[in-house]
Amino acid sequence: MSWPPDSAGGTPEPPAPRRRPHGWRGALGAVADHGFLIALAAVCLLPLYVMLIASFERAADFDGAALLPTLSPTFENYRTVWTELGFDRMFVNSAVLSLSAAAIATALAAGAAFGFTRLRFAGRGLLLAGVVATMAIPAIVVIVPLSVLMTDLGLVDRLPSAILAEAGLLLPFAIFLLHTYMRELPSELFEAAEVDGASRWRQFREIALPLARPALATTFLVSAIYAWNDLLIPLVLWQAEQLTTLMVGLALLGPSRAGTQNVPLLMAGVTISILPLAVAFAVARRAVVRGLVEGGER
């Protein structure tokens, strides 16, 4: 790279890069930075560590204060919650609910985001602002009219009720995230496709969707995590025992006014409930981070 000549006709030297201080000050700064990150990670991971070691203890041996793994671990807690308490059935119900609701919300949001981005119509900005504003409405505000509606339709204790309700609650966030990403896609690609006679549907299918894969993966995973962790919707709309989800099962197994009777059993149930989320995020981590970063930059 050539630098422009100065007023005297000579070529100035490029500015020297800023370097970290040497000696004890630089070492102290590095230790402080790493120490802060280690402490932050420890604060985040400590509850998970306590949960994990408690899940392998026997109820009779659990004192609630040990931070070291037990010398006689047992898988009895996992066997009990999985088979005797029906967590195997609850696991399937939670998977059906979260994956179905996330897929519906992501698919509808992709079409809506493309429409808000590529179509020009009166009131588009106001309509988008209204959709985004609904993100601030908590589910508990709409649960009563939603329950009345599903009862009138005869959908309570049926699969579509909670799935459609979760998808509807997820839709505003999904539209917002995908619109943020799609609005910065190169307009030249769509203009060239339109000159070639491509319809809006073809532009959406062959241009917008392939380019928005990171955002689609992020939207799907975040939506699935939200639906997996939700308690209110399945508690109200799936009241039948065969439709109980993991979150409802944990609420029934968890602390009551009399106190928890078997903490290791509860910790085993919590571990089962969060394990799929950890695995899913580990597998799709790069796509999720890319979707969030690129969406934020856009």
Foldseek 3Di string as FASTA:
>chain_A
DFADADPVRHGDDPDDDDDQDDDPVSVVVVCVVVVVVVVVVCVVCQVVQVLVLLLQDFQVPDPPPDNDHDPRGHCVLLVCCVPVVPQVLQAVLLQLQLQLLLVLLLVVLLVVLLCLQPPDDPCSVVVLVVLLVCLPPDPVVCVVVLLVVCVVVVQFQHVVSLNVVLNVNLNSVSNVLLNLQQNPDDVVVVVVCVVVPDDSVCCSVPPSCVVLVLSSLQSSLVSSVCSSQDDPSCVRRNVDPSNHHLNVSLVVQAADPVGHSGSSSSSSSVCVSCVVSVVSCVVCVVSNVVSVVSSVVD
